[in-house]
Amino acid sequence: MVSEFSTSAYVEHRTLVGGHSDTVNCLAFSPSGTHLASGGDDHAFVIWNALQGRLLYRFMFKSAVDALLWHPIYPDTVIVGCENGTISQVHEFSVTNSEHYELNLGVRSTIHCLDYDIHTAQLAIGMGEEVHVTKEKTQNRYGGDVALPSPADPVITGAGEWRLRAIALKFHDRGTALIVSYLGHGISCWDITSGASLWHIPMPSTKPNIGGAAISIDHRYIAVYNLIDGLDLYALGTKKTKPKMSYKIDKAPRSKHRLQVNFVHGGRAIFSGTTSGKISLWDVRTGEVCQNLEHAGEFTTCSIPLTPAYR
């Protein structure tokens, strides 16, 4: 079967250099796709002009930058999560106009992932072994904090990574629920008001861990990177451990890194970061590889710009 993307291709546009002196941990395009935010082990948070490949702004935090999220309501604002538990909202990106606001939840642990819901102005934070939800009362000012319950311990039947850690977060059902993908505890959907578990998808014993996840644009499916042989697609709300579709990589992962997963082409294609130096783009419907993006080094993260129609 021929993929509908066989006539289209990604081509190298820019190589961004000089922004980081150590591993880049996270990337995020601005909603318009014109700017790229990056964060790394060198403690640097960098804003790039993606069209020109030019560094616009760099700010040094006190620890590694592990999570980035462009604010979906306020322009030119990025939410930054750090290894030492710092969460900052950075607005404007110049030496004279930059503003930094630190969020204080009363608890502090390594920030793993972030999501923001535009309907409720709530921010979800995966930190340490917990997931917290707080509300932005006015711009840059958050109040209240709810810690979601921990999922049930998995039934351990073999080798795997069983630490309690949120790998990816996504608000669901207009911000009333939160879908959490855990490293070794499957996928859970939580009612934010009551803290009740709405449904849970356990991972199969042969591929028990999740190293990255993304929800489809229509919120019907979730794709997870399984740390073994590629991506698996599950229907939201199901309790089945057998995926609806799998997308295979041709080389075993070199290491167990957390990788970003992205739906593209209006949800019709999917790709993720890789540790082998080659990113594959798959047709969601057929599982066919549409394109391989080669790179001389190791890719461990990737990101794509989202047009307004696809956000």
C-alpha atoms as a PDB file:
ATOM      1  CA  MET A   1       0.000   0.000   0.000  1.00  0.00           C
ATOM      2  CA  VAL A   2       1.419   3.389  -1.011  1.00  0.00           C
ATOM      3  CA  SER A   3       1.578   6.051   1.675  1.00  0.00           C
ATOM      4  CA  GLU A   4      -0.201   9.338   0.981  1.00  0.00           C
ATOM      5  CA  PHE A   5       3.023  11.059   2.102  1.00  0.00           C
ATOM      6  CA  SER A   6       5.276   9.318  -0.425  1.00  0.00           C
ATOM      7  CA  THR A   7       5.479  12.464  -2.563  1.00  0.00           C
ATOM      8  CA  SER A   8       6.377  14.780   0.332  1.00  0.00           C
ATOM      9  CA  ALA A   9       9.610  14.936   2.287  1.00  0.00           C
ATOM     10  CA  TYR A  10      11.385  16.803   5.056  1.00  0.00           C
ATOM     11  CA  VAL A  11      14.620  18.476   4.008  1.00  0.00           C
ATOM     12  CA  GLU A  12      17.345  19.984   6.159  1.00  0.00           C
ATOM     13  CA  HIS A  13      16.658  23.682   6.662  1.00  0.00           C
ATOM     14  CA  ARG A  14      19.113  24.958   9.287  1.00  0.00           C
ATOM     15  CA  THR A  15      21.777  23.668  11.644  1.00  0.00           C
ATOM     16  CA  LEU A  16      21.605  25.555  14.933  1.00  0.00           C
ATOM     17  CA  VAL A  17      25.006  25.902  16.581  1.00  0.00           C
ATOM     18  CA  GLY A  18      26.519  27.808  19.484  1.00  0.00           C
ATOM     19  CA  GLY A  19      23.564  27.692  21.844  1.00  0.00           C
ATOM     20  CA  HIS A  20      24.516  24.776  24.092  1.00  0.00           C
ATOM     21  CA  SER A  21      27.721  23.280  25.496  1.00  0.00           C
ATOM     22  CA  ASP A  22      26.177  19.976  26.656  1.00  0.00           C
ATOM     23  CA  THR A  23      23.307  17.593  25.864  1.00  0.00           C
ATOM     24  CA  VAL A  24      20.054  19.193  24.647  1.00  0.00           C
ATOM     25  CA  ASN A  25      17.197  17.667  26.669  1.00  0.00           C
ATOM     26  CA  CYS A  26      14.083  19.301  25.228  1.00  0.00           C
ATOM     27  CA  LEU A  27      12.846  21.242  22.210  1.00  0.00           C
ATOM     28  CA  ALA A  28       9.604  23.112  21.579  1.00  0.00           C
ATOM     29  CA  PHE A  29       8.474  25.185  18.610  1.00  0.00           C
ATOM     30  CA  SER A  30       6.427  28.309  19.207  1.00  0.00           C
ATOM     31  CA  PRO A  31       2.757  28.083  18.121  1.00  0.00           C
ATOM     32  CA  SER A  32       3.594  30.028  14.953  1.00  0.00           C
ATOM     33  CA  GLY A  33       6.569  27.793  14.163  1.00  0.00           C
ATOM     34  CA  THR A  34       8.872  30.809  13.791  1.00  0.00           C
ATOM     35  CA  HIS A  35      10.820  30.267  17.028  1.00  0.00           C
ATOM     36  CA  LEU A  36      12.339  27.272  18.775  1.00  0.00           C
ATOM     37  CA  ALA A  37      13.043  26.906  22.488  1.00  0.00           C
ATOM     38  CA  SER A  38      15.721  24.505  23.694  1.00  0.00           C
ATOM     39  CA  GLY A  39      16.959  23.437  27.115  1.00  0.00           C
ATOM     40  CA  GLY A  40      19.929  21.349  28.142  1.00  0.00           C
ATOM     41  CA  ASP A  41      22.234  19.819  30.711  1.00  0.00           C
ATOM     42  CA  ASP A  42      24.394  22.963  30.497  1.00  0.00           C
ATOM     43  CA  HIS A  43      21.611  24.789  32.446  1.00  0.00           C
ATOM     44  CA  ALA A  44      20.881  26.920  29.354  1.00  0.00           C
ATOM     45  CA  PHE A  45      17.458  27.944  28.080  1.00  0.00           C
ATOM     46  CA  VAL A  46      17.765  29.221  24.504  1.00  0.00           C
ATOM     47  CA  ILE A  47      15.368  30.886  22.074  1.00  0.00           C
ATOM     48  CA  TRP A  48      16.177  30.576  18.354  1.00  0.00           C
ATOM     49  CA  ASN A  49      14.827  32.254  15.253  1.00  0.00           C
ATOM     50  CA  ALA A  50      13.905  29.011  13.466  1.00  0.00           C
ATOM     51  CA  LEU A  51      13.548  30.640  10.062  1.00  0.00           C
ATOM     52  CA  GLN A  52      17.005  32.231  10.128  1.00  0.00           C
ATOM     53  CA  GLY A  53      18.772  29.690  12.341  1.00  0.00           C
ATOM     54  CA  ARG A  54      19.873  32.515  14.638  1.00  0.00           C
ATOM     55  CA  LEU A  55      20.249  32.524  18.428  1.00  0.00           C
ATOM     56  CA  LEU A  56      18.079  35.285  19.901  1.00  0.00           C
ATOM     57  CA  TYR A  57      18.255  34.799  23.647  1.00  0.00           C
ATOM     58  CA  ARG A  58      19.997  32.662  26.257  1.00  0.00           C
ATOM     59  CA  PHE A  59      19.293  32.445  29.980  1.00  0.00           C
ATOM     60  CA  MET A  60      21.227  30.319  32.462  1.00  0.00           C
ATOM     61  CA  PHE A  61      19.324  28.475  35.190  1.00  0.00           C
ATOM     62  CA  LYS A  62      20.910  26.864  38.253  1.00  0.00           C
ATOM     63  CA  SER A  63      20.373  23.284  37.027  1.00  0.00           C
ATOM     64  CA  ALA A  64      19.629  21.313  33.876  1.00  0.00           C
ATOM     65  CA  VAL A  65      16.552  22.327  31.867  1.00  0.00           C
ATOM     66  CA  ASP A  66      14.405  19.203  31.354  1.00  0.00           C
ATOM     67  CA  ALA A  67      10.972  20.445  30.204  1.00  0.00           C
ATOM     68  CA  LEU A  68       9.691  23.294  28.018  1.00  0.00           C
ATOM     69  CA  LEU A  69       6.191  24.430  27.086  1.00  0.00           C
ATOM     70  CA  TRP A  70       5.145  27.481  25.081  1.00  0.00           C
ATOM     71  CA  HIS A  71       2.257  29.170  26.845  1.00  0.00           C
ATOM     72  CA  PRO A  72      -0.860  28.603  24.710  1.00  0.00           C
ATOM     73  CA  ILE A  73      -2.583  31.821  25.874  1.00  0.00           C
ATOM     74  CA  TYR A  74       0.090  34.484  26.389  1.00  0.00           C
ATOM     75  CA  PRO A  75       2.390  35.180  23.404  1.00  0.00           C
ATOM     76  CA  ASP A  76       6.184  35.052  23.711  1.00  0.00           C
ATOM     77  CA  THR A  77       5.998  33.120  26.980  1.00  0.00           C
ATOM     78  CA  VAL A  78       7.651  29.785  27.792  1.00  0.00           C
ATOM     79  CA  ILE A  79       7.185  27.643  30.902  1.00  0.00           C
ATOM     80  CA  VAL A  80      10.533  26.112  31.917  1.00  0.00           C
ATOM     81  CA  GLY A  81      11.023  23.113  34.214  1.00  0.00           C
ATOM     82  CA  CYS A  82      14.413  22.262  35.717  1.00  0.00           C
ATOM     83  CA  GLU A  83      16.130  19.290  37.317  1.00  0.00           C
ATOM     84  CA  ASN A  84      16.313  21.052  40.694  1.00  0.00           C
ATOM     85  CA  GLY A  85      12.525  21.523  40.760  1.00  0.00           C
ATOM     86  CA  THR A  86      12.441  25.149  39.602  1.00  0.00           C
ATOM     87  CA  ILE A  87       9.467  26.087  37.409  1.00  0.00           C
ATOM     88  CA  SER A  88       9.681  29.490  35.732  1.00  0.00           C
ATOM     89  CA  GLN A  89       7.493  31.422  33.334  1.00  0.00           C
ATOM     90  CA  VAL A  90       9.712  33.460  31.005  1.00  0.00           C
ATOM     91  CA  HIS A  91       8.134  36.329  29.074  1.00  0.00           C
ATOM     92  CA  GLU A  92       9.747  38.320  26.260  1.00  0.00           C
ATOM     93  CA  PHE A  93      13.221  37.397  25.067  1.00  0.00           C
ATOM     94  CA  SER A  94      15.610  40.313  25.139  1.00  0.00           C
ATOM     95  CA  VAL A  95      18.251  41.679  27.476  1.00  0.00           C
ATOM     96  CA  THR A  96      16.136  44.733  28.339  1.00  0.00           C
ATOM     97  CA  ASN A  97      12.588  43.324  28.396  1.00  0.00           C
ATOM     98  CA  SER A  98      12.836  39.717  29.608  1.00  0.00           C
ATOM     99  CA  GLU A  99      10.677  38.876  32.631  1.00  0.00           C
ATOM    100  CA  HIS A 100      11.002  35.772  34.828  1.00  0.00           C
ATOM    101  CA  TYR A 101       8.347  34.549  37.244  1.00  0.00           C
ATOM    102  CA  GLU A 102       9.051  31.536  39.441  1.00  0.00           C
ATOM    103  CA  LEU A 103       6.157  29.259  40.422  1.00  0.00           C
ATOM    104  CA  ASN A 104       6.055  28.156  44.047  1.00  0.00           C
ATOM    105  CA  LEU A 105       3.976  25.038  44.728  1.00  0.00           C
ATOM    106  CA  GLY A 106       5.365  24.392  48.195  1.00  0.00           C
ATOM    107  CA  VAL A 107       7.054  21.198  46.977  1.00  0.00           C
ATOM    108  CA  ARG A 108      10.094  20.775  44.790  1.00  0.00           C
ATOM    109  CA  SER A 109      11.458  17.850  42.815  1.00  0.00           C
ATOM    110  CA  THR A 110      12.841  17.191  39.322  1.00  0.00           C
ATOM    111  CA  ILE A 111      10.435  18.429  36.621  1.00  0.00           C
ATOM    112  CA  HIS A 112       9.822  15.720  34.011  1.00  0.00           C
ATOM    113  CA  CYS A 113       6.923  17.034  31.904  1.00  0.00           C
ATOM    114  CA  LEU A 114       4.362  19.843  31.558  1.00  0.00           C
ATOM    115  CA  ASP A 115       0.986  20.552  29.945  1.00  0.00           C
ATOM    116  CA  TYR A 116      -1.394  23.533  29.995  1.00  0.00           C
ATOM    117  CA  ASP A 117      -5.142  23.605  29.359  1.00  0.00           C
ATOM    118  CA  ILE A 118      -6.580  26.725  27.725  1.00  0.00           C
ATOM    119  CA  HIS A 119     -10.156  26.032  28.866  1.00  0.00           C
ATOM    120  CA  THR A 120      -9.371  25.996  32.592  1.00  0.00           C
ATOM    121  CA  ALA A 121      -5.997  27.844  32.686  1.00  0.00           C
ATOM    122  CA  GLN A 122      -4.552  24.873  34.549  1.00  0.00           C
ATOM    123  CA  LEU A 123      -0.930  23.749  34.451  1.00  0.00           C
ATOM    124  CA  ALA A 124      -0.066  20.065  34.966  1.00  0.00           C
ATOM    125  CA  ILE A 125       3.415  19.195  36.228  1.00  0.00           C
ATOM    126  CA  GLY A 126       5.097  15.812  36.404  1.00  0.00           C
ATOM    127  CA  MET A 127       7.649  16.199  39.199  1.00  0.00           C
ATOM    128  CA  GLY A 128       9.568  13.517  41.051  1.00  0.00           C
ATOM    129  CA  GLU A 129       7.119  10.678  41.735  1.00  0.00           C
ATOM    130  CA  GLU A 130       4.057  12.967  41.684  1.00  0.00           C
ATOM    131  CA  VAL A 131       1.766  14.799  39.279  1.00  0.00           C
ATOM    132  CA  HIS A 132       0.484  18.220  40.367  1.00  0.00           C
ATOM    133  CA  VAL A 133      -2.153  20.532  38.891  1.00  0.00           C
ATOM    134  CA  THR A 134      -2.258  24.276  39.601  1.00  0.00           C
ATOM    135  CA  LYS A 135      -4.325  27.143  38.166  1.00  0.00           C
ATOM    136  CA  GLU A 136      -3.125  30.404  36.643  1.00  0.00           C
ATOM    137  CA  LYS A 137      -5.322  32.999  38.360  1.00  0.00           C
ATOM    138  CA  THR A 138      -3.910  35.954  36.446  1.00  0.00           C
ATOM    139  CA  GLN A 139      -0.989  36.169  34.057  1.00  0.00           C
ATOM    140  CA  ASN A 140       2.148  34.703  35.691  1.00  0.00           C
ATOM    141  CA  ARG A 141       0.385  34.175  39.035  1.00  0.00           C
ATOM    142  CA  TYR A 142      -0.650  30.656  40.016  1.00  0.00           C
ATOM    143  CA  GLY A 143      -2.707  29.595  43.011  1.00  0.00           C
ATOM    144  CA  GLY A 144      -3.829  26.307  44.514  1.00  0.00           C
ATOM    145  CA  ASP A 145      -2.200  22.925  44.067  1.00  0.00           C
ATOM    146  CA  VAL A 146      -3.680  19.439  43.716  1.00  0.00           C
ATOM    147  CA  ALA A 147      -1.516  16.301  43.773  1.00  0.00           C
ATOM    148  CA  LEU A 148      -3.118  13.450  41.828  1.00  0.00           C
ATOM    149  CA  PRO A 149      -3.169   9.960  43.388  1.00  0.00           C
ATOM    150  CA  SER A 150      -0.448   7.464  42.524  1.00  0.00           C
ATOM    151  CA  PRO A 151      -1.389   4.652  40.136  1.00  0.00           C
ATOM    152  CA  ALA A 152      -1.561   1.070  41.367  1.00  0.00           C
ATOM    153  CA  ASP A 153       1.723  -0.805  41.423  1.00  0.00           C
ATOM    154  CA  PRO A 154       2.258  -2.813  38.220  1.00  0.00           C
ATOM    155  CA  VAL A 155       2.234  -6.593  38.192  1.00  0.00           C
ATOM    156  CA  ILE A 156       5.973  -7.200  37.753  1.00  0.00           C
ATOM    157  CA  THR A 157       6.672 -10.262  35.640  1.00  0.00           C
ATOM    158  CA  GLY A 158      10.116  -9.574  34.226  1.00  0.00           C
ATOM    159  CA  ALA A 159      12.877  -7.097  33.613  1.00  0.00           C
ATOM    160  CA  GLY A 160      11.919  -3.453  33.365  1.00  0.00           C
ATOM    161  CA  GLU A 161      12.121  -0.022  34.934  1.00  0.00           C
ATOM    162  CA  TRP A 162       9.572   0.334  37.741  1.00  0.00           C
ATOM    163  CA  ARG A 163      10.247   3.784  39.197  1.00  0.00           C
ATOM    164  CA  LEU A 164       7.110   5.899  39.610  1.00  0.00           C
ATOM    165  CA  ARG A 165       7.594   8.753  37.162  1.00  0.00           C
ATOM    166  CA  ALA A 166       5.311  10.642  34.774  1.00  0.00           C
ATOM    167  CA  ILE A 167       6.793  10.665  31.269  1.00  0.00           C
ATOM    168  CA  ALA A 168       4.097  12.662  29.454  1.00  0.00           C
ATOM    169  CA  LEU A 169       0.949  14.625  30.378  1.00  0.00           C
ATOM    170  CA  LYS A 170      -2.065  15.711  28.338  1.00  0.00           C
ATOM    171  CA  PHE A 171      -5.259  17.435  29.445  1.00  0.00           C
ATOM    172  CA  HIS A 172      -8.417  15.737  28.154  1.00  0.00           C
ATOM    173  CA  ASP A 173     -12.139  16.462  27.892  1.00  0.00           C
ATOM    174  CA  ARG A 174     -11.793  20.280  28.019  1.00  0.00           C
ATOM    175  CA  GLY A 175      -9.450  20.217  30.993  1.00  0.00           C
ATOM    176  CA  THR A 176     -11.605  18.124  33.321  1.00  0.00           C
ATOM    177  CA  ALA A 177      -9.297  15.089  33.045  1.00  0.00           C
ATOM    178  CA  LEU A 178      -5.576  14.469  32.716  1.00  0.00           C
ATOM    179  CA  ILE A 179      -3.960  11.576  30.840  1.00  0.00           C
ATOM    180  CA  VAL A 180      -0.655  10.543  32.420  1.00  0.00           C
ATOM    181  CA  SER A 181       1.834   8.178  30.780  1.00  0.00           C
ATOM    182  CA  TYR A 182       4.112   6.616  33.397  1.00  0.00           C
ATOM    183  CA  LEU A 183       7.548   5.080  32.982  1.00  0.00           C
ATOM    184  CA  GLY A 184       6.553   1.704  34.484  1.00  0.00           C
ATOM    185  CA  HIS A 185       2.910   2.100  35.517  1.00  0.00           C
ATOM    186  CA  GLY A 186       1.042   2.261  32.212  1.00  0.00           C
ATOM    187  CA  ILE A 187      -1.338   5.030  31.156  1.00  0.00           C
ATOM    188  CA  SER A 188      -3.967   6.491  33.502  1.00  0.00           C
ATOM    189  CA  CYS A 189      -6.706   9.067  32.992  1.00  0.00           C
ATOM    190  CA  TRP A 190      -7.584  11.003  36.149  1.00  0.00           C
ATOM    191  CA  ASP A 191     -10.586  13.156  36.981  1.00  0.00           C
ATOM    192  CA  ILE A 192      -8.928  16.352  38.194  1.00  0.00           C
ATOM    193  CA  THR A 193     -11.730  17.420  40.553  1.00  0.00           C
ATOM    194  CA  SER A 194     -12.269  14.128  42.365  1.00  0.00           C
ATOM    195  CA  GLY A 195      -8.908  12.440  41.779  1.00  0.00           C
ATOM    196  CA  ALA A 196     -10.731   9.309  40.610  1.00  0.00           C
ATOM    197  CA  SER A 197      -9.196   7.023  38.010  1.00  0.00           C
ATOM    198  CA  LEU A 198     -11.403   7.122  34.908  1.00  0.00           C
ATOM    199  CA  TRP A 199      -9.524   4.389  33.053  1.00  0.00           C
ATOM    200  CA  HIS A 200      -6.129   2.721  32.905  1.00  0.00           C
ATOM    201  CA  ILE A 201      -4.176   1.031  30.106  1.00  0.00           C
ATOM    202  CA  PRO A 202      -1.555  -1.434  31.398  1.00  0.00           C
ATOM    203  CA  MET A 203       1.478  -2.094  29.240  1.00  0.00           C
ATOM    204  CA  PRO A 204       2.185  -5.650  28.003  1.00  0.00           C
ATOM    205  CA  SER A 205       4.758  -7.673  29.975  1.00  0.00           C
ATOM    206  CA  THR A 206       6.998  -7.895  26.894  1.00  0.00           C
ATOM    207  CA  LYS A 207       7.176  -4.079  26.612  1.00  0.00           C
ATOM    208  CA  PRO A 208       6.368  -2.801  30.103  1.00  0.00           C
ATOM    209  CA  ASN A 209       7.927   0.670  29.939  1.00  0.00           C
ATOM    210  CA  ILE A 210       7.090   3.998  28.306  1.00  0.00           C
ATOM    211  CA  GLY A 211       9.816   6.404  27.206  1.00  0.00           C
ATOM    212  CA  GLY A 212       7.615   8.978  25.500  1.00  0.00           C
ATOM    213  CA  ALA A 213       3.982   9.519  24.493  1.00  0.00           C
ATOM    214  CA  ALA A 214       1.668  11.734  22.441  1.00  0.00           C
ATOM    215  CA  ILE A 215      -2.105  12.016  22.104  1.00  0.00           C
ATOM    216  CA  SER A 216      -3.572  12.141  18.590  1.00  0.00           C
ATOM    217  CA  ILE A 217      -5.096  15.431  17.492  1.00  0.00           C
ATOM    218  CA  ASP A 218      -8.638  14.023  17.692  1.00  0.00           C
ATOM    219  CA  HIS A 219      -7.943  12.616  21.203  1.00  0.00           C
ATOM    220  CA  ARG A 220      -8.855   9.078  20.147  1.00  0.00           C
ATOM    221  CA  TYR A 221      -5.429   7.443  20.361  1.00  0.00           C
ATOM    222  CA  ILE A 222      -2.169   7.579  22.263  1.00  0.00           C
ATOM    223  CA  ALA A 223       1.202   6.598  20.792  1.00  0.00           C
ATOM    224  CA  VAL A 224       3.945   5.487  23.178  1.00  0.00           C
ATOM    225  CA  TYR A 225       7.644   4.869  22.679  1.00  0.00           C
ATOM    226  CA  ASN A 226       8.260   1.468  24.276  1.00  0.00           C
ATOM    227  CA  LEU A 227      12.062   1.683  24.760  1.00  0.00           C
ATOM    228  CA  ILE A 228      12.499  -1.621  22.875  1.00  0.00           C
ATOM    229  CA  ASP A 229      11.433  -1.661  19.229  1.00  0.00           C
ATOM    230  CA  GLY A 230       9.544   1.540  18.408  1.00  0.00           C
ATOM    231  CA  LEU A 231       6.089   3.059  18.936  1.00  0.00           C
ATOM    232  CA  ASP A 232       2.775   1.428  19.844  1.00  0.00           C
ATOM    233  CA  LEU A 233      -0.676   2.945  19.264  1.00  0.00           C
ATOM    234  CA  TYR A 234      -3.515   2.410  21.768  1.00  0.00           C
ATOM    235  CA  ALA A 235      -7.139   3.561  21.735  1.00  0.00           C
ATOM    236  CA  LEU A 236      -7.908   5.918  24.610  1.00  0.00           C
ATOM    237  CA  GLY A 237     -10.153   4.407  27.251  1.00  0.00           C
ATOM    238  CA  THR A 238      -9.406   0.796  26.386  1.00  0.00           C
ATOM    239  CA  LYS A 239      -8.004  -1.689  28.903  1.00  0.00           C
ATOM    240  CA  LYS A 240      -6.399  -3.840  26.219  1.00  0.00           C
ATOM    241  CA  THR A 241      -2.659  -4.426  26.448  1.00  0.00           C
ATOM    242  CA  LYS A 242      -2.432  -5.268  22.741  1.00  0.00           C
ATOM    243  CA  PRO A 243      -1.751  -2.147  20.645  1.00  0.00           C
ATOM    244  CA  LYS A 244      -3.920  -1.219  17.672  1.00  0.00           C
ATOM    245  CA  MET A 245      -0.812  -0.587  15.559  1.00  0.00           C
ATOM    246  CA  SER A 246       2.974  -0.740  16.000  1.00  0.00           C
ATOM    247  CA  TYR A 247       5.671   1.291  14.266  1.00  0.00           C
ATOM    248  CA  LYS A 248       8.995  -0.521  14.242  1.00  0.00           C
ATOM    249  CA  ILE A 249      12.467   0.979  14.333  1.00  0.00           C
ATOM    250  CA  ASP A 250      15.174  -0.909  12.439  1.00  0.00           C
ATOM    251  CA  LYS A 251      17.849  -0.613  15.138  1.00  0.00           C
ATOM    252  CA  ALA A 252      17.619  -1.398  18.836  1.00  0.00           C
ATOM    253  CA  PRO A 253      17.896   1.696  21.078  1.00  0.00           C
ATOM    254  CA  ARG A 254      21.449   2.431  22.190  1.00  0.00           C
ATOM    255  CA  SER A 255      20.238   3.684  25.568  1.00  0.00           C
ATOM    256  CA  LYS A 256      17.026   4.129  27.512  1.00  0.00           C
ATOM    257  CA  HIS A 257      16.426   7.822  26.985  1.00  0.00           C
ATOM    258  CA  ARG A 258      13.086   9.569  27.287  1.00  0.00           C
ATOM    259  CA  LEU A 259      12.127  10.709  23.767  1.00  0.00           C
ATOM    260  CA  GLN A 260       9.567  13.146  22.428  1.00  0.00           C
ATOM    261  CA  VAL A 261       6.772  11.685  20.271  1.00  0.00           C
ATOM    262  CA  ASN A 262       4.858  13.827  17.760  1.00  0.00           C
ATOM    263  CA  PHE A 263       1.836  13.478  15.499  1.00  0.00           C
ATOM    264  CA  VAL A 264       2.249  15.474  12.261  1.00  0.00           C
ATOM    265  CA  HIS A 265       0.383  16.079   8.987  1.00  0.00           C
ATOM    266  CA  GLY A 266      -2.863  16.681  10.852  1.00  0.00           C
ATOM    267  CA  GLY A 267      -2.455  13.462  12.817  1.00  0.00           C
ATOM    268  CA  ARG A 268      -1.918  11.272   9.761  1.00  0.00           C
ATOM    269  CA  ALA A 269       1.782  10.663  10.424  1.00  0.00           C
ATOM    270  CA  ILE A 270       3.939  10.153  13.493  1.00  0.00           C
ATOM    271  CA  PHE A 271       7.586  10.223  14.523  1.00  0.00           C
ATOM    272  CA  SER A 272       9.737  10.353  17.629  1.00  0.00           C
ATOM    273  CA  GLY A 273      13.252  11.049  18.751  1.00  0.00           C
ATOM    274  CA  THR A 274      15.779   8.257  18.527  1.00  0.00           C
ATOM    275  CA  THR A 275      19.090   7.109  20.020  1.00  0.00           C
ATOM    276  CA  SER A 276      20.356   5.544  16.777  1.00  0.00           C
ATOM    277  CA  GLY A 277      20.887   8.696  14.709  1.00  0.00           C
ATOM    278  CA  LYS A 278      17.943   8.065  12.360  1.00  0.00           C
ATOM    279  CA  ILE A 279      14.408   9.403  12.783  1.00  0.00           C
ATOM    280  CA  SER A 280      11.619   7.523  11.006  1.00  0.00           C
ATOM    281  CA  LEU A 281       8.346   9.078   9.876  1.00  0.00           C
ATOM    282  CA  TRP A 282       5.457   6.585   9.793  1.00  0.00           C
ATOM    283  CA  ASP A 283       2.027   6.648   8.179  1.00  0.00           C
ATOM    284  CA  VAL A 284      -0.331   6.263  11.170  1.00  0.00           C
ATOM    285  CA  ARG A 285      -2.909   4.239   9.243  1.00  0.00           C
ATOM    286  CA  THR A 286      -0.633   1.769   7.446  1.00  0.00           C
ATOM    287  CA  GLY A 287       2.452   1.704   9.670  1.00  0.00           C
ATOM    288  CA  GLU A 288       4.580   2.245   6.575  1.00  0.00           C
ATOM    289  CA  VAL A 289       7.820   4.221   6.894  1.00  0.00           C
ATOM    290  CA  CYS A 290       7.354   7.349   4.785  1.00  0.00           C
ATOM    291  CA  GLN A 291      10.823   8.835   5.292  1.00  0.00           C
ATOM    292  CA  ASN A 292      14.017   8.347   7.266  1.00  0.00           C
ATOM    293  CA  LEU A 293      15.881  11.417   8.492  1.00  0.00           C
ATOM    294  CA  GLU A 294      19.557  10.604   8.894  1.00  0.00           C
ATOM    295  CA  HIS A 295      21.854  12.426  11.286  1.00  0.00           C
ATOM    296  CA  ALA A 296      25.580  11.993  11.921  1.00  0.00           C
ATOM    297  CA  GLY A 297      25.201  12.055  15.701  1.00  0.00           C
ATOM    298  CA  GLU A 298      22.641  10.707  18.141  1.00  0.00           C
ATOM    299  CA  PHE A 299      19.127  12.145  18.188  1.00  0.00           C
ATOM    300  CA  THR A 300      17.498  11.935  21.570  1.00  0.00           C
ATOM    301  CA  THR A 301      14.824  14.577  21.117  1.00  0.00           C
ATOM    302  CA  CYS A 302      12.849  16.225  18.355  1.00  0.00           C
ATOM    303  CA  SER A 303      10.022  18.676  17.873  1.00  0.00           C
ATOM    304  CA  ILE A 304       7.754  19.978  15.126  1.00  0.00           C
ATOM    305  CA  PRO A 305       5.875  23.264  14.682  1.00  0.00           C
ATOM    306  CA  LEU A 306       2.097  23.064  15.016  1.00  0.00           C
ATOM    307  CA  THR A 307      -0.010  25.179  12.720  1.00  0.00           C
ATOM    308  CA  PRO A 308      -3.087  26.746  14.344  1.00  0.00           C
ATOM    309  CA  ALA A 309      -5.380  24.187  12.670  1.00  0.00           C
ATOM    310  CA  TYR A 310      -3.539  21.311  14.322  1.00  0.00           C
ATOM    311  CA  ARG A 311      -3.033  22.590  17.875  1.00  0.00           C
END
